[in-house]
Amino acid sequence: MYKAWKTATEGCLHEIEHSGIQSLIECALYAALKELSAAVRIVLDGFVSKRTEKGVEAMLFRLHEPLLFRALQVQYLNSLRLALYMFHFPEIRFTECMCVRVM
């Protein structure tokens, strides 16, 4: 998916970002199963691993912002996991109990 995004032209780029990448982010946020969220993060890792390349980090932030802050208003453990993963705080591990205490 990263290669398609990198080589896409204007019209296709918008579709890839909003219909593809943002939909995957939303799926990772609201997935009922931890395993589904983890599988989606594997696909998104193609972008996360290349976030230092021009435009990638800005795009990830732009697509995450409206979804992530809305999701963090409710008690979704997957939202916290995705936020920690995407913004690289691997040393912090939230458990179900910690999530309840934080919220």
Foldseek 3Di string as FASTA:
>chain_A
DVVCCVPDDDVVNVCCLVVNVLVLVLCLQPPPDPVSVVVSVVVVVVLLVVVVPPPSVVSVCVSCVVPLVVSLVDQTPSSVVVVCVSVPPVVDDDDPVNSVVVD
